[in-house]
C-alpha cells in the first residue's frame, strides 16, 4: 500500500514498513486545453520522465492514447501497471484527486480532473 501525505500523521491500524520523502509539485489544471497538456507531456517526455495518466473509463483512456499517438507520443493503455517506462505515456483507468510532478525521480502523474475539469466547480 502506498499513501501520499503532505504531512506525516498517525493512522490507526496502519503501520508503515518505511517512510520515504519526495519533492512533489502539484499540477495546474489544463482546463480542457489539449495543446497545453501536449506541450507539458512533450517537455517532460524529452526530460526522460515516466508519465502516468489516470482516466475514469477504459473508453476515455483509449481515446486519449490514440490522440497522443496522433501527436507523435509513444503511449499505451494498461489495466494493470507492472512498470512505468521512460518516454512512454502510460494511461490507466483509475481516480486520483490531483496529479503531481515528482522532479527528483522524474515521474509525472496526471489525473483526469486536470485534463477535464468538472463543470460544477
N, C-alpha and C. Protein backbone atom coordinates (compact mmCIF):
# COMPACT_ATOMS: atom_id res chain seq x y z
N UNK A 1 0.84 -1.17 0.00
CA UNK A 1 0.00 0.00 0.00
C UNK A 1 0.89 1.23 0.00
N UNK A 2 0.50 2.20 -0.79
CA UNK A 2 1.23 3.46 -0.86
C UNK A 2 0.28 4.56 -0.42
N UNK A 3 0.78 5.44 0.44
CA UNK A 3 -0.02 6.57 0.92
C UNK A 3 0.80 7.83 0.73
N UNK A 4 0.21 8.81 0.05
CA UNK A 4 0.86 10.11 -0.13
C UNK A 4 0.21 11.10 0.82
N UNK A 5 1.01 11.67 1.69
CA UNK A 5 0.51 12.66 2.64
C UNK A 5 1.42 13.87 2.63
N UNK A 6 0.81 15.04 2.72
CA UNK A 6 1.61 16.27 2.77
C UNK A 6 2.37 16.36 4.09
N UNK A 7 1.73 15.95 5.17
CA UNK A 7 2.36 15.98 6.49
C UNK A 7 2.25 14.59 7.11
N UNK A 8 3.31 14.13 7.76
CA UNK A 8 3.24 12.83 8.43
C UNK A 8 2.14 12.85 9.50
N UNK A 9 1.43 11.75 9.61
CA UNK A 9 0.40 11.65 10.63
C UNK A 9 0.23 10.19 11.02
N UNK A 10 -0.36 9.99 12.16
CA UNK A 10 -0.62 8.64 12.64
C UNK A 10 -1.99 8.20 12.14
N UNK A 11 -2.02 7.04 11.52
CA UNK A 11 -3.26 6.47 11.03
C UNK A 11 -3.48 5.16 11.78
N UNK A 12 -4.60 5.07 12.45
CA UNK A 12 -4.90 3.89 13.26
C UNK A 12 -4.87 2.63 12.41
N UNK A 13 -4.27 1.57 12.93
CA UNK A 13 -4.15 0.26 12.28
C UNK A 13 -3.32 0.29 10.99
N UNK A 14 -2.51 1.29 10.82
CA UNK A 14 -1.63 1.37 9.65
C UNK A 14 -0.21 1.56 10.15
N UNK A 15 0.61 0.55 9.99
CA UNK A 15 1.99 0.57 10.45
C UNK A 15 2.90 0.51 9.22
N UNK A 16 3.43 1.64 8.78
CA UNK A 16 4.28 1.62 7.58
C UNK A 16 5.59 0.88 7.82
N UNK A 17 6.03 0.16 6.79
CA UNK A 17 7.32 -0.51 6.85
C UNK A 17 8.44 0.48 6.62
N UNK A 18 8.15 1.51 5.85
CA UNK A 18 9.16 2.53 5.56
C UNK A 18 8.46 3.84 5.22
N UNK A 19 9.17 4.92 5.43
CA UNK A 19 8.67 6.23 5.07
C UNK A 19 9.70 6.86 4.14
N UNK A 20 9.23 7.33 2.99
CA UNK A 20 10.12 7.97 2.02
C UNK A 20 9.63 9.38 1.77
N UNK A 21 10.55 10.29 1.63
CA UNK A 21 10.20 11.67 1.33
C UNK A 21 10.50 11.97 -0.14
N UNK A 22 9.57 12.64 -0.79
CA UNK A 22 9.72 13.05 -2.18
C UNK A 22 9.38 14.52 -2.31
N UNK A 23 10.14 15.21 -3.14
CA UNK A 23 9.73 16.55 -3.52
C UNK A 23 8.62 16.39 -4.54
N UNK A 24 7.53 17.09 -4.34
CA UNK A 24 6.40 16.99 -5.25
C UNK A 24 5.83 18.37 -5.53
N UNK A 25 5.39 18.55 -6.77
CA UNK A 25 4.78 19.79 -7.19
C UNK A 25 3.39 19.47 -7.70
N UNK A 26 2.38 20.15 -7.17
CA UNK A 26 1.02 19.96 -7.65
C UNK A 26 0.87 20.51 -9.05
N UNK A 27 -0.01 19.89 -9.83
CA UNK A 27 -0.22 20.33 -11.20
C UNK A 27 -1.33 21.36 -11.28
N UNK A 28 -1.18 22.27 -12.21
CA UNK A 28 -2.27 23.18 -12.54
C UNK A 28 -3.22 22.47 -13.49
N UNK A 29 -4.44 22.90 -13.53
CA UNK A 29 -5.41 22.31 -14.44
C UNK A 29 -5.07 22.69 -15.87
N UNK A 30 -5.21 21.73 -16.78
CA UNK A 30 -5.04 22.02 -18.20
C UNK A 30 -6.35 22.58 -18.76
N UNK A 31 -7.40 22.57 -17.93
CA UNK A 31 -8.71 23.18 -18.24
C UNK A 31 -9.24 22.80 -19.62
N UNK A 32 -9.08 21.54 -19.98
CA UNK A 32 -9.59 21.08 -21.27
C UNK A 32 -8.74 21.52 -22.45
N UNK A 33 -7.62 22.20 -22.20
CA UNK A 33 -6.74 22.69 -23.25
C UNK A 33 -5.74 21.59 -23.62
N UNK A 34 -6.08 20.81 -24.64
CA UNK A 34 -5.24 19.69 -25.03
C UNK A 34 -3.86 20.15 -25.50
N UNK A 35 -3.77 21.33 -26.10
CA UNK A 35 -2.47 21.84 -26.55
C UNK A 35 -1.52 22.06 -25.37
N UNK A 36 -2.05 22.61 -24.28
CA UNK A 36 -1.22 22.84 -23.09
C UNK A 36 -0.78 21.50 -22.49
N UNK A 37 -1.68 20.54 -22.44
CA UNK A 37 -1.33 19.20 -21.94
C UNK A 37 -0.23 18.59 -22.81
N UNK A 38 -0.39 18.66 -24.12
CA UNK A 38 0.59 18.07 -25.04
C UNK A 38 1.95 18.74 -24.87
N UNK A 39 1.95 20.06 -24.73
CA UNK A 39 3.20 20.79 -24.51
C UNK A 39 3.91 20.30 -23.24
N UNK A 40 3.13 20.16 -22.16
CA UNK A 40 3.70 19.69 -20.89
C UNK A 40 4.21 18.25 -21.01
N UNK A 41 3.44 17.38 -21.66
CA UNK A 41 3.85 15.99 -21.83
C UNK A 41 5.12 15.90 -22.68
N UNK A 42 5.20 16.71 -23.73
CA UNK A 42 6.39 16.70 -24.58
C UNK A 42 7.62 17.16 -23.81
N UNK A 43 7.47 18.21 -23.02
CA UNK A 43 8.58 18.72 -22.21
C UNK A 43 9.07 17.64 -21.23
N UNK A 44 8.13 17.02 -20.51
CA UNK A 44 8.51 16.01 -19.52
C UNK A 44 9.08 14.77 -20.19
N UNK A 45 8.49 14.36 -21.30
CA UNK A 45 8.97 13.18 -22.02
C UNK A 45 10.40 13.40 -22.51
N UNK A 46 10.67 14.59 -23.04
CA UNK A 46 12.02 14.91 -23.51
C UNK A 46 13.04 14.94 -22.38
N UNK A 47 12.58 15.15 -21.16
CA UNK A 47 13.46 15.16 -19.99
C UNK A 47 13.61 13.78 -19.37
N UNK A 48 13.02 12.75 -20.01
CA UNK A 48 13.18 11.38 -19.53
C UNK A 48 12.22 10.97 -18.43
N UNK A 49 11.11 11.67 -18.31
CA UNK A 49 10.11 11.34 -17.28
C UNK A 49 9.37 10.06 -17.61
N UNK A 50 8.92 9.41 -16.58
CA UNK A 50 7.92 8.35 -16.68
C UNK A 50 6.59 9.05 -16.41
N UNK A 51 5.59 8.80 -17.26
CA UNK A 51 4.34 9.53 -17.18
C UNK A 51 3.18 8.55 -17.04
N UNK A 52 2.32 8.82 -16.06
CA UNK A 52 1.13 8.00 -15.81
C UNK A 52 -0.08 8.92 -15.80
N UNK A 53 -1.08 8.58 -16.60
CA UNK A 53 -2.32 9.36 -16.66
C UNK A 53 -3.48 8.47 -16.26
N UNK A 54 -4.30 8.95 -15.32
CA UNK A 54 -5.50 8.24 -14.90
C UNK A 54 -6.71 8.79 -15.64
N UNK A 55 -7.56 7.89 -16.15
CA UNK A 55 -8.82 8.27 -16.78
C UNK A 55 -9.95 7.50 -16.10
N UNK A 56 -11.17 8.05 -16.11
CA UNK A 56 -12.25 7.38 -15.39
C UNK A 56 -12.78 6.11 -16.06
N UNK A 57 -12.61 5.99 -17.38
CA UNK A 57 -13.11 4.80 -18.08
C UNK A 57 -12.08 4.32 -19.08
N UNK A 58 -12.21 3.06 -19.45
CA UNK A 58 -11.32 2.50 -20.46
C UNK A 58 -11.51 3.22 -21.80
N UNK A 59 -12.76 3.53 -22.15
CA UNK A 59 -13.03 4.21 -23.42
C UNK A 59 -12.32 5.56 -23.49
N UNK A 60 -12.37 6.33 -22.40
CA UNK A 60 -11.67 7.62 -22.37
C UNK A 60 -10.16 7.42 -22.46
N UNK A 61 -9.66 6.41 -21.80
CA UNK A 61 -8.24 6.11 -21.83
C UNK A 61 -7.76 5.75 -23.23
N UNK A 62 -8.55 4.94 -23.92
CA UNK A 62 -8.17 4.54 -25.28
C UNK A 62 -8.25 5.72 -26.24
N UNK A 63 -9.24 6.59 -26.06
CA UNK A 63 -9.33 7.80 -26.90
C UNK A 63 -8.11 8.69 -26.67
N UNK A 64 -7.73 8.86 -25.40
CA UNK A 64 -6.57 9.68 -25.09
C UNK A 64 -5.30 9.07 -25.66
N UNK A 65 -5.16 7.76 -25.54
CA UNK A 65 -3.99 7.07 -26.10
C UNK A 65 -3.89 7.34 -27.60
N UNK A 66 -5.00 7.22 -28.31
CA UNK A 66 -4.99 7.45 -29.76
C UNK A 66 -4.68 8.90 -30.10
N UNK A 67 -5.23 9.84 -29.32
CA UNK A 67 -4.94 11.27 -29.54
C UNK A 67 -3.46 11.55 -29.34
N UNK A 68 -2.88 10.96 -28.31
CA UNK A 68 -1.45 11.17 -28.05
C UNK A 68 -0.58 10.55 -29.13
N UNK A 69 -0.98 9.38 -29.63
CA UNK A 69 -0.24 8.75 -30.72
C UNK A 69 -0.26 9.63 -31.97
N UNK A 70 -1.42 10.27 -32.24
CA UNK A 70 -1.51 11.19 -33.38
C UNK A 70 -0.56 12.38 -33.23
N UNK A 71 -0.24 12.72 -31.99
CA UNK A 71 0.69 13.83 -31.72
C UNK A 71 2.14 13.36 -31.68
N UNK A 72 2.37 12.07 -31.95
CA UNK A 72 3.72 11.55 -32.03
C UNK A 72 4.26 10.95 -30.74
N UNK A 73 3.42 10.80 -29.72
CA UNK A 73 3.86 10.22 -28.46
C UNK A 73 3.81 8.70 -28.51
N UNK A 74 4.70 8.07 -27.77
CA UNK A 74 4.64 6.64 -27.54
C UNK A 74 3.74 6.46 -26.31
N UNK A 75 2.50 6.02 -26.53
CA UNK A 75 1.56 5.89 -25.41
C UNK A 75 0.92 4.52 -25.44
N UNK A 76 0.62 4.02 -24.23
CA UNK A 76 -0.02 2.71 -24.09
C UNK A 76 -1.15 2.82 -23.08
N UNK A 77 -2.16 1.98 -23.26
CA UNK A 77 -3.22 1.86 -22.27
C UNK A 77 -3.05 0.52 -21.59
N UNK A 78 -3.04 0.52 -20.24
CA UNK A 78 -2.89 -0.73 -19.49
C UNK A 78 -3.86 -0.73 -18.32
N UNK A 79 -4.53 -1.85 -18.11
CA UNK A 79 -5.38 -2.00 -16.93
C UNK A 79 -4.52 -2.22 -15.69
N UNK A 80 -3.50 -3.06 -15.83
CA UNK A 80 -2.60 -3.38 -14.72
C UNK A 80 -1.23 -2.81 -15.03
N UNK A 81 -0.72 -2.04 -14.08
CA UNK A 81 0.58 -1.40 -14.27
C UNK A 81 1.62 -2.19 -13.48
N UNK A 82 2.56 -2.80 -14.20
CA UNK A 82 3.64 -3.50 -13.51
C UNK A 82 4.92 -2.67 -13.51
N UNK A 83 5.03 -1.76 -14.47
CA UNK A 83 6.17 -0.85 -14.52
C UNK A 83 5.83 0.35 -15.39
N UNK A 84 6.53 1.42 -15.15
CA UNK A 84 6.43 2.60 -16.00
C UNK A 84 7.74 2.73 -16.75
N UNK A 85 7.66 3.07 -18.02
CA UNK A 85 8.84 3.12 -18.87
C UNK A 85 9.12 4.57 -19.26
N UNK A 86 10.37 4.93 -19.20
CA UNK A 86 10.81 6.27 -19.58
C UNK A 86 10.38 6.57 -21.01
N UNK A 87 9.90 7.77 -21.25
CA UNK A 87 9.47 8.24 -22.57
C UNK A 87 8.25 7.51 -23.13
N UNK A 88 7.53 6.79 -22.29
CA UNK A 88 6.28 6.16 -22.69
C UNK A 88 5.20 6.69 -21.78
N UNK A 89 4.12 7.18 -22.36
CA UNK A 89 3.00 7.67 -21.56
C UNK A 89 2.07 6.49 -21.31
N UNK A 90 1.92 6.13 -20.05
CA UNK A 90 1.05 5.02 -19.67
C UNK A 90 -0.27 5.59 -19.18
N UNK A 91 -1.35 5.07 -19.74
CA UNK A 91 -2.70 5.50 -19.39
C UNK A 91 -3.41 4.32 -18.77
N UNK A 92 -4.13 4.58 -17.68
CA UNK A 92 -4.85 3.52 -17.00
C UNK A 92 -6.18 4.05 -16.47
N UNK A 93 -7.05 3.13 -16.13
CA UNK A 93 -8.32 3.50 -15.52
C UNK A 93 -8.12 3.63 -14.02
N UNK A 94 -8.58 4.73 -13.48
CA UNK A 94 -8.45 4.95 -12.05
C UNK A 94 -8.79 6.37 -11.71
N UNK A 95 -8.70 6.68 -10.44
CA UNK A 95 -9.06 8.01 -10.00
C UNK A 95 -8.11 8.47 -8.90
N UNK A 96 -7.59 9.66 -9.09
CA UNK A 96 -6.85 10.34 -8.04
C UNK A 96 -7.37 11.78 -8.03
N UNK A 97 -7.30 12.41 -6.89
CA UNK A 97 -7.90 13.74 -6.77
C UNK A 97 -7.07 14.81 -7.47
N UNK A 98 -5.75 14.64 -7.52
CA UNK A 98 -4.88 15.67 -8.11
C UNK A 98 -3.59 15.01 -8.58
N UNK A 99 -3.12 15.44 -9.72
CA UNK A 99 -1.86 14.94 -10.25
C UNK A 99 -0.68 15.60 -9.58
N UNK A 100 0.49 15.01 -9.74
CA UNK A 100 1.71 15.51 -9.10
C UNK A 100 2.89 15.32 -10.04
N UNK A 101 3.85 16.20 -9.90
CA UNK A 101 5.13 16.10 -10.59
C UNK A 101 6.17 15.81 -9.51
N UNK A 102 6.88 14.71 -9.66
CA UNK A 102 7.95 14.33 -8.74
C UNK A 102 9.28 14.52 -9.49
N UNK A 103 9.83 15.75 -9.48
CA UNK A 103 11.00 16.03 -10.31
C UNK A 103 12.25 15.23 -9.95
N UNK A 104 12.44 14.91 -8.68
CA UNK A 104 13.65 14.18 -8.27
C UNK A 104 13.71 12.78 -8.87
N UNK A 105 12.55 12.17 -9.07
CA UNK A 105 12.53 10.81 -9.62
C UNK A 105 11.96 10.79 -11.04
N UNK A 106 11.74 11.98 -11.60
CA UNK A 106 11.24 12.14 -12.97
C UNK A 106 9.97 11.31 -13.21
N UNK A 107 8.97 11.62 -12.42
CA UNK A 107 7.68 10.95 -12.52
C UNK A 107 6.58 12.01 -12.56
N UNK A 108 5.72 11.93 -13.57
CA UNK A 108 4.58 12.82 -13.70
C UNK A 108 3.32 11.98 -13.64
N UNK A 109 2.43 12.31 -12.71
CA UNK A 109 1.15 11.63 -12.58
C UNK A 109 0.06 12.66 -12.85
N UNK A 110 -0.80 12.37 -13.82
CA UNK A 110 -1.85 13.31 -14.23
C UNK A 110 -3.21 12.67 -13.97
N UNK A 111 -4.10 13.44 -13.34
CA UNK A 111 -5.47 12.93 -13.11
C UNK A 111 -6.38 13.46 -14.21
N UNK A 112 -7.48 12.79 -14.40
CA UNK A 112 -8.46 13.22 -15.38
C UNK A 112 -9.03 14.59 -15.03
N UNK A 113 -9.04 14.93 -13.74
CA UNK A 113 -9.59 16.24 -13.35
C UNK A 113 -8.71 17.40 -13.83
N UNK A 114 -7.43 17.15 -14.06
CA UNK A 114 -6.59 18.20 -14.64
C UNK A 114 -6.87 18.37 -16.14
N UNK A 115 -7.20 17.26 -16.80
CA UNK A 115 -7.46 17.30 -18.24
C UNK A 115 -8.89 17.81 -18.51
N UNK A 116 -9.85 17.28 -17.78
CA UNK A 116 -11.26 17.64 -17.96
C UNK A 116 -11.83 18.11 -16.63
N UNK A 117 -11.65 19.39 -16.29
CA UNK A 117 -12.16 19.87 -15.01
C UNK A 117 -13.68 19.79 -14.93
N UNK A 118 -14.17 19.57 -13.73
CA UNK A 118 -15.61 19.47 -13.51
C UNK A 118 -16.28 20.80 -13.81
N UNK A 119 -17.40 20.74 -14.48
CA UNK A 119 -18.15 21.95 -14.78
C UNK A 119 -18.92 22.46 -13.56
N UNK A 120 -18.97 21.65 -12.50
CA UNK A 120 -19.69 22.02 -11.30
C UNK A 120 -18.89 22.90 -10.36
N UNK A 121 -17.59 23.10 -10.64
CA UNK A 121 -16.74 23.89 -9.75
C UNK A 121 -16.91 25.36 -10.00
